[in-house]
C-alpha atoms as a PDB file:
ATOM      1  CA  UNK A   1      -4.404   9.494  -5.625  1.00  0.00           C
ATOM      2  CA  UNK A   2      -2.880  12.189  -3.490  1.00  0.00           C
ATOM      3  CA  UNK A   3      -4.618  15.559  -3.560  1.00  0.00           C
ATOM      4  CA  UNK A   4      -2.843  18.886  -3.568  1.00  0.00           C
ATOM      5  CA  UNK A   5      -3.151  20.382  -0.065  1.00  0.00           C
ATOM      6  CA  UNK A   6      -4.955  23.702   0.207  1.00  0.00           C
ATOM      7  CA  UNK A   7      -2.240  25.787   1.807  1.00  0.00           C
ATOM      8  CA  UNK A   8      -3.703  29.320   1.806  1.00  0.00           C
ATOM      9  CA  UNK A   9      -1.569  30.658   4.658  1.00  0.00           C
ATOM     10  CA  UNK A  10       1.835  30.099   3.097  1.00  0.00           C
ATOM     11  CA  UNK A  11       3.522  31.456  -0.006  1.00  0.00           C
ATOM     12  CA  UNK A  12       5.665  28.507  -1.139  1.00  0.00           C
ATOM     13  CA  UNK A  13       7.768  30.503  -3.557  1.00  0.00           C
ATOM     14  CA  UNK A  14       8.843  32.954  -0.858  1.00  0.00           C
ATOM     15  CA  UNK A  15      11.459  32.032   1.722  1.00  0.00           C
ATOM     16  CA  UNK A  16      11.774  28.455   0.523  1.00  0.00           C
ATOM     17  CA  UNK A  17      14.537  26.637   2.411  1.00  0.00           C
ATOM     18  CA  UNK A  18      17.283  24.699   0.602  1.00  0.00           C
ATOM     19  CA  UNK A  19      15.753  21.431   1.830  1.00  0.00           C
ATOM     20  CA  UNK A  20      12.368  22.364   0.366  1.00  0.00           C
ATOM     21  CA  UNK A  21      13.996  23.146  -2.982  1.00  0.00           C
ATOM     22  CA  UNK A  22      15.853  19.820  -2.961  1.00  0.00           C
ATOM     23  CA  UNK A  23      12.707  17.846  -2.137  1.00  0.00           C
ATOM     24  CA  UNK A  24      10.686  19.733  -4.748  1.00  0.00           C
ATOM     25  CA  UNK A  25      13.321  18.880  -7.354  1.00  0.00           C
ATOM     26  CA  UNK A  26      13.317  15.230  -6.253  1.00  0.00           C
ATOM     27  CA  UNK A  27       9.517  15.064  -6.566  1.00  0.00           C
ATOM     28  CA  UNK A  28       9.740  16.513 -10.066  1.00  0.00           C
ATOM     29  CA  UNK A  29      12.259  13.838 -11.007  1.00  0.00           C
ATOM     30  CA  UNK A  30      10.176  11.100  -9.377  1.00  0.00           C
ATOM     31  CA  UNK A  31       7.212  12.215 -11.497  1.00  0.00           C
ATOM     32  CA  UNK A  32       9.383  11.302 -14.504  1.00  0.00           C
ATOM     33  CA  UNK A  33      10.140   7.848 -13.073  1.00  0.00           C
ATOM     34  CA  UNK A  34      13.580   8.604 -11.580  1.00  0.00           C
ATOM     35  CA  UNK A  35      14.290   5.759  -9.149  1.00  0.00           C
ATOM     36  CA  UNK A  36      17.478   7.338  -7.789  1.00  0.00           C
ATOM     37  CA  UNK A  37      15.496  10.454  -6.846  1.00  0.00           C
ATOM     38  CA  UNK A  38      12.920   8.277  -5.107  1.00  0.00           C
ATOM     39  CA  UNK A  39      15.655   6.550  -3.109  1.00  0.00           C
ATOM     40  CA  UNK A  40      17.121   9.906  -2.064  1.00  0.00           C
ATOM     41  CA  UNK A  41      13.768  11.368  -1.063  1.00  0.00           C
ATOM     42  CA  UNK A  42      12.931   8.247   0.936  1.00  0.00           C
ATOM     43  CA  UNK A  43      16.165   8.435   2.926  1.00  0.00           C
ATOM     44  CA  UNK A  44      15.898  12.170   3.559  1.00  0.00           C
ATOM     45  CA  UNK A  45      12.183  12.495   4.336  1.00  0.00           C
ATOM     46  CA  UNK A  46      11.114   9.178   5.915  1.00  0.00           C
ATOM     47  CA  UNK A  47      12.033  10.184   9.513  1.00  0.00           C
ATOM     48  CA  UNK A  48       9.938  13.360   9.148  1.00  0.00           C
ATOM     49  CA  UNK A  49       6.937  11.522   7.679  1.00  0.00           C
ATOM     50  CA  UNK A  50       7.116   8.745  10.261  1.00  0.00           C
ATOM     51  CA  UNK A  51       6.850  11.403  12.971  1.00  0.00           C
ATOM     52  CA  UNK A  52       3.776  12.832  11.219  1.00  0.00           C
ATOM     53  CA  UNK A  53       2.142   9.396  11.109  1.00  0.00           C
ATOM     54  CA  UNK A  54       2.992   8.605  14.733  1.00  0.00           C
ATOM     55  CA  UNK A  55       1.025  11.656  15.841  1.00  0.00           C
ATOM     56  CA  UNK A  56      -2.064   9.958  14.380  1.00  0.00           C
ATOM     57  CA  UNK A  57      -1.204   6.257  14.715  1.00  0.00           C
ATOM     58  CA  UNK A  58       0.752   5.762  17.932  1.00  0.00           C
ATOM     59  CA  UNK A  59       1.524   2.059  17.385  1.00  0.00           C
ATOM     60  CA  UNK A  60       4.933   2.104  15.751  1.00  0.00           C
ATOM     61  CA  UNK A  61       4.602  -1.180  13.834  1.00  0.00           C
ATOM     62  CA  UNK A  62       1.403   0.005  12.175  1.00  0.00           C
ATOM     63  CA  UNK A  63       2.890   3.462  11.600  1.00  0.00           C
ATOM     64  CA  UNK A  64       5.836   1.907   9.758  1.00  0.00           C
ATOM     65  CA  UNK A  65       3.430  -0.088   7.565  1.00  0.00           C
ATOM     66  CA  UNK A  66       1.564   3.124   6.747  1.00  0.00           C
ATOM     67  CA  UNK A  67       4.872   4.816   5.919  1.00  0.00           C
ATOM     68  CA  UNK A  68       5.538   2.239   3.212  1.00  0.00           C
ATOM     69  CA  UNK A  69       2.059   2.873   1.767  1.00  0.00           C
ATOM     70  CA  UNK A  70       2.812   6.602   1.779  1.00  0.00           C
ATOM     71  CA  UNK A  71       5.903   6.198  -0.380  1.00  0.00           C
ATOM     72  CA  UNK A  72       4.128   3.917  -2.814  1.00  0.00           C
ATOM     73  CA  UNK A  73       1.539   6.678  -3.115  1.00  0.00           C
ATOM     74  CA  UNK A  74       4.278   9.282  -3.577  1.00  0.00           C
ATOM     75  CA  UNK A  75       5.807   7.247  -6.403  1.00  0.00           C
ATOM     76  CA  UNK A  76       2.432   6.942  -8.119  1.00  0.00           C
ATOM     77  CA  UNK A  77       1.245  10.542  -7.690  1.00  0.00           C
ATOM     78  CA  UNK A  78       4.366  12.720  -7.610  1.00  0.00           C
ATOM     79  CA  UNK A  79       3.179  14.403 -10.805  1.00  0.00           C
ATOM     80  CA  UNK A  80       0.335  16.003  -8.825  1.00  0.00           C
ATOM     81  CA  UNK A  81       2.797  18.006  -6.708  1.00  0.00           C
ATOM     82  CA  UNK A  82       2.814  21.675  -7.675  1.00  0.00           C
ATOM     83  CA  UNK A  83       5.592  23.749  -6.062  1.00  0.00           C
ATOM     84  CA  UNK A  84       3.617  26.908  -6.834  1.00  0.00           C
ATOM     85  CA  UNK A  85       0.844  25.795  -4.473  1.00  0.00           C
ATOM     86  CA  UNK A  86       2.711  24.223  -1.568  1.00  0.00           C
ATOM     87  CA  UNK A  87       6.144  23.363  -0.276  1.00  0.00           C
ATOM     88  CA  UNK A  88       7.413  19.824  -0.689  1.00  0.00           C
ATOM     89  CA  UNK A  89       7.266  18.984   3.024  1.00  0.00           C
ATOM     90  CA  UNK A  90       3.679  20.289   3.210  1.00  0.00           C
ATOM     91  CA  UNK A  91       2.617  18.092   0.304  1.00  0.00           C
ATOM     92  CA  UNK A  92       4.423  15.033   1.673  1.00  0.00           C
ATOM     93  CA  UNK A  93       2.978  15.648   5.138  1.00  0.00           C
ATOM     94  CA  UNK A  94      -0.508  15.861   3.657  1.00  0.00           C
ATOM     95  CA  UNK A  95      -0.041  12.515   1.900  1.00  0.00           C
ATOM     96  CA  UNK A  96       1.187  10.958   5.158  1.00  0.00           C
ATOM     97  CA  UNK A  97      -1.649  12.396   7.268  1.00  0.00           C
ATOM     98  CA  UNK A  98      -4.321  11.355   4.780  1.00  0.00           C
ATOM     99  CA  UNK A  99      -2.925   7.833   4.580  1.00  0.00           C
ATOM    100  CA  UNK A 100      -2.744   7.540   8.381  1.00  0.00           C
ATOM    101  CA  UNK A 101      -6.330   8.785   8.784  1.00  0.00           C
ATOM    102  CA  UNK A 102      -7.552   6.404   6.061  1.00  0.00           C
ATOM    103  CA  UNK A 103      -5.812   3.533   7.840  1.00  0.00           C
ATOM    104  CA  UNK A 104      -7.587   4.364  11.105  1.00  0.00           C
ATOM    105  CA  UNK A 105     -10.936   4.515   9.328  1.00  0.00           C
ATOM    106  CA  UNK A 106     -10.337   1.170   7.647  1.00  0.00           C
ATOM    107  CA  UNK A 107      -9.474  -0.487  10.935  1.00  0.00           C
ATOM    108  CA  UNK A 108     -12.553   0.959  12.607  1.00  0.00           C
ATOM    109  CA  UNK A 109     -14.776  -0.424   9.840  1.00  0.00           C
ATOM    110  CA  UNK A 110     -13.216  -3.909   9.825  1.00  0.00           C
ATOM    111  CA  UNK A 111     -15.087  -6.719  11.613  1.00  0.00           C
ATOM    112  CA  UNK A 112     -13.622  -7.608  15.002  1.00  0.00           C
ATOM    113  CA  UNK A 113     -12.559 -11.077  13.896  1.00  0.00           C
ATOM    114  CA  UNK A 114      -9.119 -12.159  15.051  1.00  0.00           C
ATOM    115  CA  UNK A 115      -7.410 -14.951  13.198  1.00  0.00           C
ATOM    116  CA  UNK A 116      -3.767 -15.884  12.738  1.00  0.00           C
ATOM    117  CA  UNK A 117      -4.533 -17.948   9.631  1.00  0.00           C
ATOM    118  CA  UNK A 118      -3.236 -16.965   6.203  1.00  0.00           C
ATOM    119  CA  UNK A 119      -3.886 -18.578   2.814  1.00  0.00           C
ATOM    120  CA  UNK A 120      -0.939 -18.719   0.404  1.00  0.00           C
ATOM    121  CA  UNK A 121      -1.034 -18.708  -3.413  1.00  0.00           C
ATOM    122  CA  UNK A 122      -1.223 -22.508  -3.460  1.00  0.00           C
ATOM    123  CA  UNK A 123      -4.370 -22.471  -1.346  1.00  0.00           C
ATOM    124  CA  UNK A 124      -2.655 -23.802   1.781  1.00  0.00           C
ATOM    125  CA  UNK A 125      -3.478 -22.379   5.210  1.00  0.00           C
ATOM    126  CA  UNK A 126      -0.688 -21.488   7.619  1.00  0.00           C
ATOM    127  CA  UNK A 127      -0.325 -19.832  11.016  1.00  0.00           C
ATOM    128  CA  UNK A 128       1.165 -16.340  10.687  1.00  0.00           C
ATOM    129  CA  UNK A 129       2.182 -16.343  14.343  1.00  0.00           C
ATOM    130  CA  UNK A 130       4.777 -18.993  13.589  1.00  0.00           C
ATOM    131  CA  UNK A 131       6.633 -16.630  11.259  1.00  0.00           C
ATOM    132  CA  UNK A 132       9.142 -14.029  12.375  1.00  0.00           C
ATOM    133  CA  UNK A 133       8.236 -10.474  11.310  1.00  0.00           C
ATOM    134  CA  UNK A 134      10.157  -9.168   8.309  1.00  0.00           C
ATOM    135  CA  UNK A 135      12.006  -5.866   8.249  1.00  0.00           C
ATOM    136  CA  UNK A 136      10.364  -2.842   6.647  1.00  0.00           C
ATOM    137  CA  UNK A 137      11.115  -2.667   2.908  1.00  0.00           C
ATOM    138  CA  UNK A 138      13.449  -0.093   1.436  1.00  0.00           C
ATOM    139  CA  UNK A 139      12.910   2.095  -1.648  1.00  0.00           C
ATOM    140  CA  UNK A 140      13.660  -0.634  -4.211  1.00  0.00           C
ATOM    141  CA  UNK A 141      11.257  -3.034  -2.522  1.00  0.00           C
ATOM    142  CA  UNK A 142       8.604  -0.312  -2.455  1.00  0.00           C
ATOM    143  CA  UNK A 143       8.955   0.210  -6.202  1.00  0.00           C
ATOM    144  CA  UNK A 144       8.551  -3.516  -6.732  1.00  0.00           C
ATOM    145  CA  UNK A 145       5.478  -3.478  -4.487  1.00  0.00           C
ATOM    146  CA  UNK A 146       3.969  -0.635  -6.484  1.00  0.00           C
ATOM    147  CA  UNK A 147       4.412  -2.587  -9.709  1.00  0.00           C
ATOM    148  CA  UNK A 148       3.074  -5.754  -8.123  1.00  0.00           C
ATOM    149  CA  UNK A 149       0.049  -3.864  -6.802  1.00  0.00           C
ATOM    150  CA  UNK A 150      -0.854  -2.770 -10.332  1.00  0.00           C
ATOM    151  CA  UNK A 151      -0.462  -6.343 -11.601  1.00  0.00           C
ATOM    152  CA  UNK A 152      -2.636  -7.698  -8.780  1.00  0.00           C
ATOM    153  CA  UNK A 153      -5.318  -5.087  -9.424  1.00  0.00           C
ATOM    154  CA  UNK A 154      -5.395  -6.072 -13.100  1.00  0.00           C
ATOM    155  CA  UNK A 155      -5.465  -9.800 -12.364  1.00  0.00           C
ATOM    156  CA  UNK A 156      -8.235  -9.464  -9.769  1.00  0.00           C
ATOM    157  CA  UNK A 157     -10.489  -8.073 -12.489  1.00  0.00           C
ATOM    158  CA  UNK A 158     -10.301 -11.441 -14.272  1.00  0.00           C
ATOM    159  CA  UNK A 159     -11.854 -13.317 -11.317  1.00  0.00           C
ATOM    160  CA  UNK A 160     -15.525 -13.926 -10.612  1.00  0.00           C
ATOM    161  CA  UNK A 161     -17.297 -11.999  -7.882  1.00  0.00           C
ATOM    162  CA  UNK A 162     -17.428 -15.047  -5.606  1.00  0.00           C
ATOM    163  CA  UNK A 163     -13.714 -15.704  -6.073  1.00  0.00           C
ATOM    164  CA  UNK A 164     -12.742 -12.086  -5.356  1.00  0.00           C
ATOM    165  CA  UNK A 165     -14.960 -11.941  -2.250  1.00  0.00           C
ATOM    166  CA  UNK A 166     -13.570 -15.211  -0.898  1.00  0.00           C
ATOM    167  CA  UNK A 167      -9.955 -14.190  -1.538  1.00  0.00           C
ATOM    168  CA  UNK A 168     -10.518 -10.769   0.050  1.00  0.00           C
ATOM    169  CA  UNK A 169     -11.810 -12.390   3.231  1.00  0.00           C
ATOM    170  CA  UNK A 170      -9.006 -14.958   3.270  1.00  0.00           C
ATOM    171  CA  UNK A 171      -6.114 -12.585   2.482  1.00  0.00           C
ATOM    172  CA  UNK A 172      -7.062  -9.141   3.737  1.00  0.00           C
ATOM    173  CA  UNK A 173      -9.022 -10.202   6.823  1.00  0.00           C
ATOM    174  CA  UNK A 174      -7.026 -13.362   7.546  1.00  0.00           C
ATOM    175  CA  UNK A 175     -10.050 -15.665   7.782  1.00  0.00           C
ATOM    176  CA  UNK A 176      -9.704 -19.436   7.463  1.00  0.00           C
ATOM    177  CA  UNK A 177     -11.713 -21.381   4.893  1.00  0.00           C
ATOM    178  CA  UNK A 178     -14.237 -22.316   7.566  1.00  0.00           C
ATOM    179  CA  UNK A 179     -14.569 -18.695   8.700  1.00  0.00           C
ATOM    180  CA  UNK A 180     -15.045 -17.523   5.109  1.00  0.00           C
ATOM    181  CA  UNK A 181     -17.769 -20.144   4.598  1.00  0.00           C
ATOM    182  CA  UNK A 182     -19.520 -19.021   7.762  1.00  0.00           C
ATOM    183  CA  UNK A 183     -19.243 -15.360   6.789  1.00  0.00           C
ATOM    184  CA  UNK A 184     -20.674 -15.966   3.301  1.00  0.00           C
ATOM    185  CA  UNK A 185     -23.240 -18.544   4.404  1.00  0.00           C
ATOM    186  CA  UNK A 186     -21.911 -21.041   1.865  1.00  0.00           C
ATOM    187  CA  UNK A 187     -20.824 -24.698   2.147  1.00  0.00           C
ATOM    188  CA  UNK A 188     -17.193 -25.168   3.089  1.00  0.00           C
ATOM    189  CA  UNK A 189     -16.497 -27.193  -0.050  1.00  0.00           C
ATOM    190  CA  UNK A 190     -17.883 -24.439  -2.266  1.00  0.00           C
ATOM    191  CA  UNK A 191     -15.728 -21.798  -0.589  1.00  0.00           C
ATOM    192  CA  UNK A 192     -12.607 -23.967  -0.861  1.00  0.00           C
ATOM    193  CA  UNK A 193     -13.323 -24.386  -4.571  1.00  0.00           C
ATOM    194  CA  UNK A 194     -13.727 -20.624  -5.052  1.00  0.00           C
ATOM    195  CA  UNK A 195     -10.498 -19.915  -3.194  1.00  0.00           C
ATOM    196  CA  UNK A 196      -8.539 -22.663  -4.969  1.00  0.00           C
ATOM    197  CA  UNK A 197      -9.697 -21.726  -8.474  1.00  0.00           C
ATOM    198  CA  UNK A 198      -9.348 -18.026  -7.781  1.00  0.00           C
ATOM    199  CA  UNK A 199      -5.778 -18.498  -6.552  1.00  0.00           C
ATOM    200  CA  UNK A 200      -4.901 -20.638  -9.547  1.00  0.00           C
ATOM    201  CA  UNK A 201      -6.217 -17.986 -11.942  1.00  0.00           C
ATOM    202  CA  UNK A 202      -4.530 -15.204 -10.000  1.00  0.00           C
ATOM    203  CA  UNK A 203      -1.220 -17.057  -9.879  1.00  0.00           C
ATOM    204  CA  UNK A 204      -1.284 -17.755 -13.628  1.00  0.00           C
ATOM    205  CA  UNK A 205      -2.103 -14.119 -14.407  1.00  0.00           C
ATOM    206  CA  UNK A 206       0.690 -12.817 -12.161  1.00  0.00           C
ATOM    207  CA  UNK A 207       3.189 -15.252 -13.669  1.00  0.00           C
ATOM    208  CA  UNK A 208       2.311 -13.963 -17.139  1.00  0.00           C
ATOM    209  CA  UNK A 209       2.691 -10.364 -15.931  1.00  0.00           C
ATOM    210  CA  UNK A 210       6.105 -11.162 -14.433  1.00  0.00           C
ATOM    211  CA  UNK A 211       7.252 -12.815 -17.652  1.00  0.00           C
ATOM    212  CA  UNK A 212       6.184  -9.785 -19.685  1.00  0.00           C
ATOM    213  CA  UNK A 213       7.899  -7.400 -17.236  1.00  0.00           C
ATOM    214  CA  UNK A 214      11.186  -9.272 -17.635  1.00  0.00           C
ATOM    215  CA  UNK A 215      10.969  -8.811 -21.354  1.00  0.00           C
END
């Protein structure tokens, strides 16, 4: 959840530029679920926020990934923006900086294990290096990601602790089944069973969520 920046040196209501007023209005509309406003804000503000992120995370590919996370966060927490406390660009910049700093902290705390293996929803392992990188998603894709993230969070709660731990290592850290087994100190067959059953449960839950979303 984005926090309102403590901007004690500025008086947002005084000398507000036309751009600030437009962005503030767009954020107010986004807080009400206006997708067109989100699309407009993304197109107008993404170059500015990418520059903010690049000052913290100099690797452009990672900075662009963080930028997508920023806009998902904006969509979720736009209602926390208060134009009486800060200008729109200040609030957006704070969200971007916080997300970039959090990303750096996460990477510093991750184990230094390098693996190109990925496990798909059918439990099959594949080499990520053999796949061409996809283009950064646009606003519509970000909205879909935000909805999918909520569904995944809900479905993960239905799994056992062992299944969630195994899937986290396999998906978020890119470990192979053998590496997960070594990390957890468990037999390979046990880990494969946790991953397979966890993926089956997760896939079924997500399919139900998708069916409900389509009405």
